[in-house]
Protein backbone atom coordinates (compact mmCIF):
# COMPACT_ATOMS: atom_id res chain seq x y z
CA MET A 1 0.00 0.00 0.00
CA ASP A 2 2.87 2.34 0.75
CA LYS A 3 4.29 1.59 -2.60
CA LEU A 4 1.01 2.42 -4.21
CA VAL A 5 0.81 5.74 -2.34
CA GLN A 6 4.38 6.57 -3.31
CA PHE A 7 3.70 5.64 -6.92
CA GLY A 8 0.59 7.87 -6.84
CA ARG A 9 2.57 10.78 -5.48
CA LYS A 10 5.24 10.39 -8.11
CA ALA A 11 2.62 10.12 -10.83
CA TRP A 12 0.80 13.16 -9.56
CA PHE A 13 4.11 15.10 -9.50
CA VAL A 14 4.85 14.09 -13.08
CA VAL A 15 1.37 15.22 -14.12
CA ARG A 16 1.88 18.58 -12.40
CA VAL A 17 5.30 19.04 -14.01
CA LEU A 18 3.95 18.15 -17.42
CA SER A 19 0.99 20.46 -16.99
CA GLY A 20 3.26 23.37 -15.92
CA TYR A 21 1.62 23.74 -12.53
CA GLU A 22 4.81 22.97 -10.66
CA GLU A 23 6.80 25.43 -12.78
CA ARG A 24 4.29 28.19 -12.09
CA ARG A 25 4.37 27.37 -8.42
CA ILE A 26 8.17 27.54 -8.42
CA ARG A 27 8.08 30.86 -10.29
CA ALA A 28 5.47 32.24 -7.89
CA HIS A 29 7.56 31.12 -4.95
CA ARG A 30 10.69 32.70 -6.51
CA LEU A 31 8.78 35.93 -7.16
CA GLN A 32 7.58 35.96 -3.55
CA MET A 33 11.14 35.45 -2.36
CA GLN A 34 12.40 38.29 -4.58
CA GLN A 35 9.69 40.60 -3.26
CA GLN A 36 10.56 39.67 0.31
CA ILE A 37 14.24 40.32 -0.43
CA ALA A 38 13.41 43.72 -1.98
CA ARG A 39 11.27 44.66 1.04
CA ALA A 40 14.02 43.53 3.39
CA GLN A 41 16.59 45.61 1.49
CA ALA A 42 14.30 48.65 1.52
CA LYS A 43 13.75 48.19 5.24
CA LYS A 44 17.50 47.78 5.71
CA GLU A 45 18.10 51.07 3.82
CA GLU A 46 15.50 52.80 5.97
CA LEU A 47 17.15 51.48 9.09
CA ARG A 48 20.52 52.63 7.77
CA LYS A 49 19.12 56.12 7.13
CA GLN A 50 17.26 56.30 10.41
CA PRO A 51 20.31 56.93 12.59
CA GLU A 52 21.32 59.78 10.29
CA GLN A 53 17.82 61.22 10.47
CA ILE A 54 17.71 60.75 14.22
CA ILE A 55 21.10 62.40 14.62
CA LEU A 56 20.09 65.26 12.33
CA SER A 57 16.82 65.77 14.21
CA GLU A 58 18.70 65.74 17.53
CA VAL A 59 21.22 68.24 16.18
CA ARG A 60 18.40 70.48 14.97
CA GLN A 61 16.74 70.22 18.33
CA MET A 62 19.99 71.08 20.13
CA VAL A 63 20.56 74.06 17.84
CA GLN A 64 17.05 75.30 18.54
CA GLN A 65 17.60 74.89 22.27
CA MET A 66 20.90 76.77 22.07
CA GLN A 67 19.29 79.58 20.10
CA ALA A 68 16.48 79.79 22.65
CA LEU A 69 19.06 79.84 25.44
CA ASN A 70 21.05 82.59 23.70
CA GLN A 71 17.90 84.62 23.29
CA GLN A 72 17.05 84.15 26.97
CA LEU A 73 20.59 85.20 27.92
CA GLU A 74 20.35 88.32 25.79
CA GLU A 75 16.97 89.19 27.30
CA THR A 76 18.34 88.60 30.80
CA GLU A 77 21.41 90.71 30.05
CA THR A 78 19.20 93.52 28.76
CA ALA A 79 17.00 93.30 31.85
CA ILE A 80 20.07 93.39 34.13
CA ASP A 81 21.46 96.39 32.25
CA GLU A 82 18.13 98.19 32.58
CA TYR A 83 17.97 97.34 36.28
CA PHE A 84 21.47 98.62 36.99
CA LYS A 85 21.30 101.80 34.86
CA PRO A 86 20.32 104.07 37.79
CA ILE A 87 22.94 102.45 39.99
CA ASP A 88 25.54 102.89 37.26
CA LYS A 89 24.61 106.56 36.94
CA ASN A 90 24.95 107.07 40.68
CA ALA A 91 28.24 105.19 40.73
CA LYS A 92 29.52 107.33 37.87
CA ILE A 93 28.52 110.50 39.70
CA ILE A 94 30.26 109.28 42.85
CA THR A 95 33.43 108.31 41.01
CA ASP A 96 33.44 111.66 39.19
CA MET A 97 33.09 113.45 42.53
CA GLN A 98 35.92 111.38 43.99
CA LEU A 99 38.11 112.11 40.98
CA GLU A 100 37.37 115.82 41.32
CA LYS A 101 38.27 115.69 45.03
CA GLU A 102 41.48 113.87 44.24
CA GLU A 103 42.34 116.40 41.52
CA LYS A 104 41.69 119.26 43.95
CA GLN A 105 43.85 117.56 46.57
CA ILE A 106 46.61 117.04 44.03
CA LYS A 107 46.39 120.69 42.95
CA GLU A 108 46.46 121.84 46.57
CA MET A 109 49.39 119.56 47.34
CA THR A 110 51.35 120.80 44.33
CA LYS A 111 50.57 124.40 45.33
CA VAL A 112 51.69 123.73 48.91
CA MET A 113 54.83 122.01 47.62
CA GLN A 114 55.57 124.91 45.27
CA ASP A 115 55.04 127.38 48.14
CA GLN A 116 57.31 125.27 50.36
CA ILE A 117 59.97 125.14 47.65
CA ALA A 118 59.71 128.92 47.21
CA MET A 119 60.06 129.40 50.97
CA GLN A 120 63.05 127.08 51.06
CA ARG A 121 64.63 129.01 48.21
CA GLU A 122 64.02 132.25 50.05
CA ILE A 123 65.50 130.81 53.22
CA ALA A 124 68.45 129.46 51.27
CA SER A 125 68.99 132.80 49.56
CA LYS A 126 68.71 134.63 52.89
CA ARG A 127 71.20 132.21 54.42
CA ALA A 128 73.46 132.69 51.45
CA GLN A 129 73.14 136.45 51.85
CA ALA A 130 73.69 136.18 55.59
CA THR A 131 76.73 133.99 55.10
CA ALA A 132 77.97 136.41 52.45
CA ILE A 133 77.43 139.36 54.74
CA GLU A 134 78.96 137.45 57.62
CA SER A 135 81.95 136.52 55.53
CA LYS A 136 82.32 140.17 54.50
CA ASP A 137 82.01 141.19 58.12
CA THR A 138 84.61 138.70 59.15
CA GLN A 139 86.87 139.80 56.33
CA THR A 140 86.43 143.44 57.28
CA SER A 141 86.84 142.67 60.93
CA ASP A 142 89.95 140.69 60.04
CA LYS A 143 91.22 143.60 58.02
CA ILE A 144 90.38 145.97 60.79
CA ALA A 145 91.98 143.71 63.33
CA GLU A 146 95.02 143.31 61.12
CA GLY A 147 95.04 146.96 60.16
CA PRO A 148 95.93 148.59 63.48
CA PRO A 149 98.83 146.35 64.29
CA LYS A 150 100.33 147.16 60.94
CA GLU A 151 99.95 150.77 61.65
CA GLU A 152 101.73 150.29 64.92
CA THR A 153 104.55 148.53 63.23
CA MET A 154 104.79 151.31 60.78
CA LYS A 155 105.05 153.93 63.43
């Protein structure tokens, strides 16, 4: 009975091959396999491109975040500048006043130093005159002191 079943199967196969059914089935199967391969390759390409797209989208997102952060920083900086404007004006006024005081002090100090130098020059000139007069006095007194004894020797 097994032999009969096997013979029937072989006969049926031969009939299918001769009728072209088996060839069409093989072609259909091959076509299905090719379509599956094409879909797999397309999916593989998509998967290959996905990391690039993901990276690009992440980069775009980071750039947008950085731009938003820069804008926030600029707005904060502007707000801080606006907040400190009155304080800056007051500080500038105070520093200008301090600079003016320092300039006045410097001018006064230079004037005092110039007056002191003038006084020292006067004192030095008076001393020089006094020493000159004193030296003349001593010379005249020496001459006078020397003069009478010479007269006595002459007599």
